[in-house]
Amino acid sequence: MPKMKTNRAAAKRFKVTGSGRIRRSKCGLNHCMQEKSKKRLRRLRKNDMVDSAMEKRVKLLLPYG
């Protein structure tokens, strides 16, 4: 049986937690920072979880995650 390939684009964006949930970073931190408030930028730094509706799709891209 050949090895399954991990989708490298997904591997760079998602991490699997110990409990099996999928962690992702929030969007909106790449440019136009001066227009965003400091409070908003602080909230964007924290990681978020992938929604349960999308979790199964992301797990297919990360077979060994």
N, C-alpha and C. Protein backbone atom coordinates (compact mmCIF):
# COMPACT_ATOMS: atom_id res chain seq x y z
N MET A 1 0.84 -1.19 0.00
CA MET A 1 0.00 0.00 0.00
C MET A 1 0.89 1.25 0.00
N PRO A 2 0.72 2.13 -0.99
CA PRO A 2 1.57 3.33 -1.01
C PRO A 2 1.18 4.32 0.09
N LYS A 3 2.14 5.17 0.41
CA LYS A 3 1.88 6.19 1.42
C LYS A 3 0.94 7.24 0.88
N MET A 4 0.12 7.82 1.78
CA MET A 4 -0.76 8.91 1.37
C MET A 4 0.03 10.20 1.44
N LYS A 5 -0.27 11.13 0.53
CA LYS A 5 0.44 12.41 0.51
C LYS A 5 -0.34 13.46 1.29
N THR A 6 0.39 14.22 2.08
CA THR A 6 -0.19 15.34 2.80
C THR A 6 -0.25 16.53 1.87
N ASN A 7 -1.36 17.25 1.88
CA ASN A 7 -1.46 18.48 1.10
C ASN A 7 -0.59 19.53 1.77
N ARG A 8 0.48 19.97 1.12
CA ARG A 8 1.46 20.85 1.75
C ARG A 8 0.89 22.24 2.03
N ALA A 9 -0.02 22.71 1.19
CA ALA A 9 -0.64 24.02 1.43
C ALA A 9 -1.45 23.99 2.72
N ALA A 10 -2.16 22.89 2.95
CA ALA A 10 -2.97 22.75 4.17
C ALA A 10 -2.08 22.56 5.39
N ALA A 11 -0.96 21.85 5.22
CA ALA A 11 -0.06 21.60 6.34
C ALA A 11 0.55 22.89 6.87
N LYS A 12 0.74 23.87 5.98
CA LYS A 12 1.31 25.16 6.40
C LYS A 12 0.27 26.03 7.10
N ARG A 13 -1.01 25.78 6.86
CA ARG A 13 -2.05 26.64 7.40
C ARG A 13 -2.74 26.08 8.64
N PHE A 14 -2.75 24.77 8.81
CA PHE A 14 -3.51 24.15 9.90
C PHE A 14 -2.62 23.28 10.77
N LYS A 15 -2.97 23.20 12.06
CA LYS A 15 -2.30 22.29 12.99
C LYS A 15 -3.38 21.49 13.71
N VAL A 16 -3.12 20.22 13.96
CA VAL A 16 -4.08 19.37 14.67
C VAL A 16 -3.72 19.40 16.15
N THR A 17 -4.72 19.67 17.00
CA THR A 17 -4.49 19.72 18.44
C THR A 17 -4.46 18.31 19.01
N GLY A 18 -4.14 18.20 20.28
CA GLY A 18 -4.08 16.90 20.93
C GLY A 18 -5.43 16.21 20.97
N SER A 19 -6.49 17.00 21.07
CA SER A 19 -7.84 16.41 21.13
C SER A 19 -8.40 16.12 19.74
N GLY A 20 -7.64 16.47 18.68
CA GLY A 20 -8.08 16.14 17.33
C GLY A 20 -8.78 17.28 16.61
N ARG A 21 -8.96 18.43 17.27
CA ARG A 21 -9.55 19.58 16.59
C ARG A 21 -8.47 20.23 15.73
N ILE A 22 -8.91 21.11 14.80
CA ILE A 22 -7.97 21.73 13.88
C ILE A 22 -7.86 23.22 14.19
N ARG A 23 -6.61 23.68 14.37
CA ARG A 23 -6.35 25.07 14.71
C ARG A 23 -5.94 25.84 13.46
N ARG A 24 -6.37 27.08 13.37
CA ARG A 24 -6.01 27.94 12.24
C ARG A 24 -5.74 29.34 12.75
N SER A 25 -5.01 30.13 11.96
CA SER A 25 -4.79 31.52 12.35
C SER A 25 -5.87 32.38 11.68
N LYS A 26 -6.10 33.56 12.24
CA LYS A 26 -7.13 34.45 11.71
C LYS A 26 -6.59 35.26 10.55
N CYS A 27 -7.49 35.67 9.66
CA CYS A 27 -7.06 36.44 8.49
C CYS A 27 -7.08 37.93 8.80
N GLY A 28 -6.44 38.71 7.95
CA GLY A 28 -6.47 40.16 8.09
C GLY A 28 -5.25 40.74 8.76
N LEU A 29 -4.12 40.01 8.77
CA LEU A 29 -2.91 40.52 9.41
C LEU A 29 -1.76 40.74 8.42
N ASN A 30 -2.07 40.88 7.13
CA ASN A 30 -0.99 40.99 6.16
C ASN A 30 -0.65 42.41 5.74
N HIS A 31 -1.66 43.25 5.55
CA HIS A 31 -1.36 44.63 5.14
C HIS A 31 -2.48 45.55 5.59
N CYS A 32 -2.31 46.86 5.35
CA CYS A 32 -3.26 47.91 5.79
C CYS A 32 -3.43 47.91 7.30
N MET A 33 -2.31 47.78 8.01
CA MET A 33 -2.37 47.70 9.48
C MET A 33 -2.74 49.03 10.13
N GLN A 34 -2.33 50.15 9.52
CA GLN A 34 -2.54 51.43 10.19
C GLN A 34 -4.02 51.80 10.27
N GLU A 35 -4.87 51.21 9.42
CA GLU A 35 -6.31 51.51 9.49
C GLU A 35 -7.01 50.70 10.58
N LYS A 36 -6.39 49.58 10.98
CA LYS A 36 -7.03 48.71 11.98
C LYS A 36 -6.64 49.15 13.39
N SER A 37 -7.60 49.05 14.30
CA SER A 37 -7.34 49.49 15.67
C SER A 37 -6.40 48.49 16.37
N LYS A 38 -5.73 48.97 17.42
CA LYS A 38 -4.81 48.12 18.17
C LYS A 38 -5.56 46.95 18.80
N LYS A 39 -6.77 47.22 19.27
CA LYS A 39 -7.60 46.17 19.88
C LYS A 39 -7.91 45.07 18.87
N ARG A 40 -8.23 45.48 17.66
CA ARG A 40 -8.55 44.52 16.60
C ARG A 40 -7.33 43.68 16.23
N LEU A 41 -6.16 44.31 16.15
CA LEU A 41 -4.94 43.60 15.80
C LEU A 41 -4.55 42.61 16.89
N ARG A 42 -4.78 42.98 18.14
CA ARG A 42 -4.50 42.07 19.27
C ARG A 42 -5.36 40.82 19.18
N ARG A 43 -6.64 41.00 18.85
CA ARG A 43 -7.57 39.86 18.73
C ARG A 43 -7.19 38.96 17.56
N LEU A 44 -6.67 39.56 16.48
CA LEU A 44 -6.31 38.78 15.29
C LEU A 44 -5.07 37.92 15.52
N ARG A 45 -4.24 38.26 16.51
CA ARG A 45 -3.03 37.49 16.77
C ARG A 45 -3.34 36.09 17.29
N LYS A 46 -4.45 35.93 18.00
CA LYS A 46 -4.77 34.65 18.62
C LYS A 46 -5.24 33.64 17.58
N ASN A 47 -4.97 32.38 17.85
CA ASN A 47 -5.42 31.33 16.93
C ASN A 47 -6.90 31.04 17.15
N ASP A 48 -7.51 30.43 16.15
CA ASP A 48 -8.92 30.10 16.18
C ASP A 48 -9.07 28.64 15.77
N MET A 49 -10.23 28.07 15.98
CA MET A 49 -10.49 26.69 15.57
C MET A 49 -11.27 26.67 14.26
N VAL A 50 -11.02 25.65 13.45
CA VAL A 50 -11.79 25.46 12.22
C VAL A 50 -13.20 25.03 12.61
N ASP A 51 -14.19 25.54 11.89
CA ASP A 51 -15.59 25.21 12.17
C ASP A 51 -15.84 23.72 11.98
N SER A 52 -16.74 23.18 12.77
CA SER A 52 -17.00 21.74 12.73
C SER A 52 -17.50 21.28 11.36
N ALA A 53 -18.16 22.18 10.62
CA ALA A 53 -18.67 21.84 9.29
C ALA A 53 -17.52 21.64 8.29
N MET A 54 -16.39 22.30 8.52
CA MET A 54 -15.25 22.21 7.59
C MET A 54 -14.17 21.26 8.08
N GLU A 55 -14.27 20.80 9.33
CA GLU A 55 -13.21 19.99 9.93
C GLU A 55 -12.93 18.72 9.15
N LYS A 56 -13.97 18.04 8.69
CA LYS A 56 -13.80 16.77 7.98
C LYS A 56 -13.03 16.97 6.67
N ARG A 57 -13.29 18.09 5.99
CA ARG A 57 -12.60 18.37 4.73
C ARG A 57 -11.12 18.62 4.95
N VAL A 58 -10.80 19.37 6.01
CA VAL A 58 -9.41 19.69 6.29
C VAL A 58 -8.66 18.42 6.72
N LYS A 59 -9.32 17.55 7.46
CA LYS A 59 -8.67 16.31 7.91
C LYS A 59 -8.34 15.39 6.75
N LEU A 60 -9.10 15.46 5.65
CA LEU A 60 -8.78 14.68 4.47
C LEU A 60 -7.46 15.14 3.84
N LEU A 61 -7.17 16.44 3.97
CA LEU A 61 -5.93 16.99 3.41
C LEU A 61 -4.72 16.68 4.30
N LEU A 62 -4.97 16.37 5.57
CA LEU A 62 -3.90 16.08 6.53
C LEU A 62 -4.05 14.65 7.04
N PRO A 63 -3.71 13.64 6.24
CA PRO A 63 -3.98 12.26 6.65
C PRO A 63 -3.20 11.81 7.88
N TYR A 64 -2.03 12.40 8.14
CA TYR A 64 -1.23 11.97 9.29
C TYR A 64 -1.26 12.99 10.42
N GLY A 65 -2.19 13.95 10.35
CA GLY A 65 -2.25 15.01 11.36
C GLY A 65 -2.94 14.58 12.62
